[in-house]
Amino acid sequence: SKFYTLKLKGTTFTNCSLIAVDFMATDLTSVLFDNCDLYRAEFDKAIANKADFKTSFNYTIDPSKTKLKKAVFALKEVKGLLFKHDVIVH
């Protein structure tokens, strides 16, 4: 699916399979990703300030390419923000 450049501010995704979804340059401000599988979803140049990812999983987001101010993540999935640094999280 493609959401490229759409304005989805405040949207809620619940129990969704968002595998390989294109969120590039999308406004995801205050979006709730509630228990969503975000495997291979693309977030480059997205605005995800205040987005809530805490119950979602399998995401890979590069904070240097995505605006994430005050976004919320679960500690167990934080590895999805560190992938490019080639670190190991236990």
N, C-alpha and C. Protein backbone atom coordinates (compact mmCIF):
# COMPACT_ATOMS: atom_id res chain seq x y z
N SER A 1 0.84 -1.19 0.00
CA SER A 1 0.00 0.00 0.00
C SER A 1 0.87 1.24 0.00
N LYS A 2 0.37 2.30 -0.53
CA LYS A 2 1.10 3.56 -0.57
C LYS A 2 0.29 4.67 0.09
N PHE A 3 0.94 5.32 1.05
CA PHE A 3 0.38 6.50 1.69
C PHE A 3 1.28 7.70 1.43
N TYR A 4 2.15 7.57 0.44
CA TYR A 4 3.15 8.57 0.09
C TYR A 4 2.56 9.97 0.05
N THR A 5 3.11 10.85 0.86
CA THR A 5 2.78 12.28 0.99
C THR A 5 1.37 12.59 1.52
N LEU A 6 0.63 11.59 1.96
CA LEU A 6 -0.70 11.87 2.51
C LEU A 6 -0.61 12.51 3.89
N LYS A 7 -1.65 13.19 4.28
CA LYS A 7 -1.76 13.78 5.61
C LYS A 7 -2.68 12.88 6.44
N LEU A 8 -2.08 12.09 7.32
CA LEU A 8 -2.84 11.12 8.12
C LEU A 8 -2.85 11.51 9.60
N LYS A 9 -2.62 12.76 9.88
CA LYS A 9 -2.53 13.27 11.24
C LYS A 9 -3.69 12.77 12.11
N GLY A 10 -3.33 12.17 13.27
CA GLY A 10 -4.33 11.71 14.22
C GLY A 10 -5.03 10.41 13.87
N THR A 11 -4.62 9.74 12.82
CA THR A 11 -5.25 8.48 12.41
C THR A 11 -4.88 7.37 13.39
N THR A 12 -5.76 6.39 13.55
CA THR A 12 -5.49 5.21 14.36
C THR A 12 -5.50 3.98 13.47
N PHE A 13 -4.42 3.21 13.55
CA PHE A 13 -4.33 1.91 12.88
C PHE A 13 -4.34 0.87 14.00
N THR A 14 -5.31 -0.03 14.02
CA THR A 14 -5.43 -1.03 15.07
C THR A 14 -5.37 -2.43 14.50
N ASN A 15 -4.47 -3.25 15.06
CA ASN A 15 -4.31 -4.65 14.64
C ASN A 15 -4.12 -4.79 13.13
N CYS A 16 -3.30 -3.92 12.56
CA CYS A 16 -3.11 -3.89 11.11
C CYS A 16 -1.81 -4.58 10.70
N SER A 17 -1.85 -5.21 9.56
CA SER A 17 -0.65 -5.72 8.92
C SER A 17 -0.24 -4.64 7.91
N LEU A 18 0.75 -3.85 8.29
CA LEU A 18 1.20 -2.75 7.45
C LEU A 18 2.56 -3.09 6.84
N ILE A 19 2.68 -4.31 6.39
CA ILE A 19 3.93 -4.83 5.84
C ILE A 19 4.24 -4.15 4.51
N ALA A 20 5.46 -3.60 4.43
CA ALA A 20 5.99 -2.93 3.24
C ALA A 20 5.13 -1.74 2.78
N VAL A 21 4.43 -1.12 3.71
CA VAL A 21 3.63 0.07 3.37
C VAL A 21 4.57 1.26 3.18
N ASP A 22 4.26 2.10 2.22
CA ASP A 22 5.05 3.29 1.91
C ASP A 22 4.46 4.50 2.64
N PHE A 23 5.14 4.90 3.73
CA PHE A 23 4.76 6.09 4.47
C PHE A 23 5.73 7.24 4.18
N MET A 24 6.49 7.15 3.08
CA MET A 24 7.49 8.18 2.77
C MET A 24 6.82 9.56 2.63
N ALA A 25 7.41 10.53 3.32
CA ALA A 25 6.96 11.92 3.27
C ALA A 25 5.50 12.10 3.70
N THR A 26 5.01 11.19 4.50
CA THR A 26 3.63 11.22 4.99
C THR A 26 3.58 11.95 6.34
N ASP A 27 2.53 12.70 6.58
CA ASP A 27 2.33 13.35 7.88
C ASP A 27 1.64 12.36 8.81
N LEU A 28 2.43 11.80 9.73
CA LEU A 28 1.93 10.82 10.69
C LEU A 28 1.88 11.41 12.10
N THR A 29 1.77 12.71 12.20
CA THR A 29 1.73 13.39 13.49
C THR A 29 0.59 12.83 14.34
N SER A 30 0.91 12.43 15.56
CA SER A 30 -0.06 11.92 16.54
C SER A 30 -0.82 10.68 16.06
N VAL A 31 -0.24 9.93 15.14
CA VAL A 31 -0.87 8.67 14.69
C VAL A 31 -0.64 7.59 15.74
N LEU A 32 -1.65 6.78 15.97
CA LEU A 32 -1.54 5.63 16.87
C LEU A 32 -1.43 4.37 16.03
N PHE A 33 -0.29 3.68 16.17
CA PHE A 33 -0.10 2.36 15.56
C PHE A 33 -0.32 1.36 16.69
N ASP A 34 -1.52 0.85 16.82
CA ASP A 34 -1.91 -0.02 17.92
C ASP A 34 -1.81 -1.49 17.49
N ASN A 35 -0.77 -2.16 17.98
CA ASN A 35 -0.54 -3.59 17.70
C ASN A 35 -0.45 -3.86 16.19
N CYS A 36 0.38 -3.09 15.51
CA CYS A 36 0.53 -3.22 14.05
C CYS A 36 1.89 -3.83 13.70
N ASP A 37 1.88 -4.66 12.68
CA ASP A 37 3.12 -5.23 12.13
C ASP A 37 3.61 -4.27 11.05
N LEU A 38 4.76 -3.65 11.29
CA LEU A 38 5.31 -2.65 10.38
C LEU A 38 6.55 -3.15 9.65
N TYR A 39 6.63 -4.46 9.44
CA TYR A 39 7.78 -5.05 8.78
C TYR A 39 7.98 -4.44 7.39
N ARG A 40 9.18 -3.93 7.15
CA ARG A 40 9.58 -3.34 5.88
C ARG A 40 8.77 -2.09 5.47
N ALA A 41 8.05 -1.50 6.42
CA ALA A 41 7.37 -0.23 6.13
C ALA A 41 8.44 0.85 5.96
N GLU A 42 8.21 1.77 5.06
CA GLU A 42 9.18 2.82 4.73
C GLU A 42 8.72 4.15 5.31
N PHE A 43 9.59 4.77 6.14
CA PHE A 43 9.24 6.01 6.83
C PHE A 43 10.13 7.19 6.45
N ASP A 44 11.01 7.06 5.46
CA ASP A 44 11.92 8.16 5.12
C ASP A 44 11.15 9.44 4.82
N LYS A 45 11.63 10.53 5.40
CA LYS A 45 11.08 11.88 5.23
C LYS A 45 9.66 12.03 5.79
N ALA A 46 9.19 11.05 6.56
CA ALA A 46 7.87 11.16 7.19
C ALA A 46 7.96 12.08 8.41
N ILE A 47 6.83 12.62 8.78
CA ILE A 47 6.72 13.41 10.01
C ILE A 47 5.91 12.56 10.98
N ALA A 48 6.58 11.99 11.96
CA ALA A 48 5.91 11.11 12.92
C ALA A 48 6.04 11.66 14.34
N ASN A 49 6.05 12.97 14.46
CA ASN A 49 6.10 13.59 15.78
C ASN A 49 4.86 13.18 16.59
N LYS A 50 5.09 12.81 17.83
CA LYS A 50 4.04 12.40 18.77
C LYS A 50 3.30 11.12 18.33
N ALA A 51 3.84 10.40 17.35
CA ALA A 51 3.23 9.13 16.95
C ALA A 51 3.47 8.09 18.05
N ASP A 52 2.55 7.16 18.18
CA ASP A 52 2.62 6.13 19.22
C ASP A 52 2.84 4.76 18.58
N PHE A 53 4.05 4.24 18.75
CA PHE A 53 4.45 2.93 18.21
C PHE A 53 4.58 1.89 19.32
N LYS A 54 4.21 2.22 20.56
CA LYS A 54 4.60 1.38 21.70
C LYS A 54 4.04 -0.04 21.68
N THR A 55 2.95 -0.31 21.00
CA THR A 55 2.45 -1.69 20.95
C THR A 55 2.67 -2.33 19.59
N SER A 56 3.35 -1.63 18.70
CA SER A 56 3.62 -2.17 17.36
C SER A 56 5.01 -2.78 17.29
N PHE A 57 5.30 -3.44 16.20
CA PHE A 57 6.53 -4.24 16.13
C PHE A 57 7.03 -4.37 14.70
N ASN A 58 8.26 -4.86 14.60
CA ASN A 58 8.94 -5.12 13.32
C ASN A 58 9.23 -3.86 12.51
N TYR A 59 9.24 -2.71 13.14
CA TYR A 59 9.55 -1.50 12.38
C TYR A 59 11.05 -1.26 12.31
N THR A 60 11.46 -0.59 11.26
CA THR A 60 12.83 -0.11 11.08
C THR A 60 12.71 1.34 10.63
N ILE A 61 13.08 2.24 11.53
CA ILE A 61 12.93 3.67 11.26
C ILE A 61 14.27 4.35 11.50
N ASP A 62 14.72 5.13 10.55
CA ASP A 62 15.97 5.87 10.69
C ASP A 62 15.65 7.27 11.24
N PRO A 63 15.97 7.52 12.51
CA PRO A 63 15.65 8.82 13.11
C PRO A 63 16.34 10.00 12.42
N SER A 64 17.37 9.75 11.65
CA SER A 64 18.03 10.85 10.94
C SER A 64 17.28 11.22 9.66
N LYS A 65 16.32 10.38 9.26
CA LYS A 65 15.55 10.64 8.05
C LYS A 65 14.05 10.82 8.30
N THR A 66 13.64 10.66 9.57
CA THR A 66 12.23 10.74 9.94
C THR A 66 12.08 11.64 11.16
N LYS A 67 11.13 12.53 11.15
CA LYS A 67 10.89 13.40 12.30
C LYS A 67 10.13 12.61 13.35
N LEU A 68 10.73 12.47 14.54
CA LEU A 68 10.16 11.62 15.59
C LEU A 68 10.06 12.32 16.94
N LYS A 69 10.01 13.63 16.94
CA LYS A 69 9.97 14.36 18.21
C LYS A 69 8.78 13.91 19.05
N LYS A 70 9.07 13.47 20.27
CA LYS A 70 8.07 13.01 21.25
C LYS A 70 7.28 11.78 20.80
N ALA A 71 7.78 11.05 19.81
CA ALA A 71 7.16 9.77 19.43
C ALA A 71 7.43 8.76 20.55
N VAL A 72 6.55 7.78 20.69
CA VAL A 72 6.62 6.82 21.79
C VAL A 72 6.90 5.43 21.22
N PHE A 73 7.89 4.74 21.84
CA PHE A 73 8.29 3.40 21.41
C PHE A 73 8.43 2.50 22.62
N ALA A 74 8.21 1.21 22.44
CA ALA A 74 8.43 0.23 23.50
C ALA A 74 9.92 -0.10 23.54
N LEU A 75 10.46 -0.23 24.74
CA LEU A 75 11.87 -0.55 24.91
C LEU A 75 12.25 -1.83 24.15
N LYS A 76 11.37 -2.83 24.16
CA LYS A 76 11.70 -4.10 23.50
C LYS A 76 11.82 -3.99 21.98
N GLU A 77 11.31 -2.93 21.39
CA GLU A 77 11.39 -2.74 19.94
C GLU A 77 12.35 -1.63 19.53
N VAL A 78 13.07 -1.06 20.47
CA VAL A 78 13.97 0.06 20.18
C VAL A 78 15.06 -0.32 19.17
N LYS A 79 15.32 -1.59 19.02
CA LYS A 79 16.31 -2.04 18.04
C LYS A 79 15.96 -1.56 16.63
N GLY A 80 14.69 -1.34 16.37
CA GLY A 80 14.25 -0.87 15.06
C GLY A 80 14.66 0.58 14.77
N LEU A 81 15.15 1.28 15.81
CA LEU A 81 15.64 2.64 15.62
C LEU A 81 17.16 2.68 15.54
N LEU A 82 17.80 1.57 15.89
CA LEU A 82 19.26 1.52 15.98
C LEU A 82 19.91 0.69 14.88
N PHE A 83 19.13 0.17 13.96
CA PHE A 83 19.62 -0.79 12.97
C PHE A 83 20.84 -0.30 12.20
N LYS A 84 20.89 0.94 11.83
CA LYS A 84 21.98 1.43 10.99
C LYS A 84 23.30 1.57 11.75
N HIS A 85 23.23 1.47 13.07
CA HIS A 85 24.43 1.59 13.89
C HIS A 85 25.09 0.23 14.14
N ASP A 86 24.50 -0.84 13.64
CA ASP A 86 25.04 -2.18 13.77
C ASP A 86 25.36 -2.54 15.23
N VAL A 87 24.41 -2.23 16.11
CA VAL A 87 24.57 -2.57 17.52
C VAL A 87 23.70 -3.77 17.86
N ILE A 88 24.03 -4.41 18.96
CA ILE A 88 23.27 -5.57 19.42
C ILE A 88 22.52 -5.16 20.69
N VAL A 89 21.22 -5.36 20.69
CA VAL A 89 20.39 -5.02 21.84
C VAL A 89 19.84 -6.31 22.42
N HIS A 90 20.02 -6.50 23.74
CA HIS A 90 19.50 -7.70 24.41
C HIS A 90 18.39 -7.33 25.35
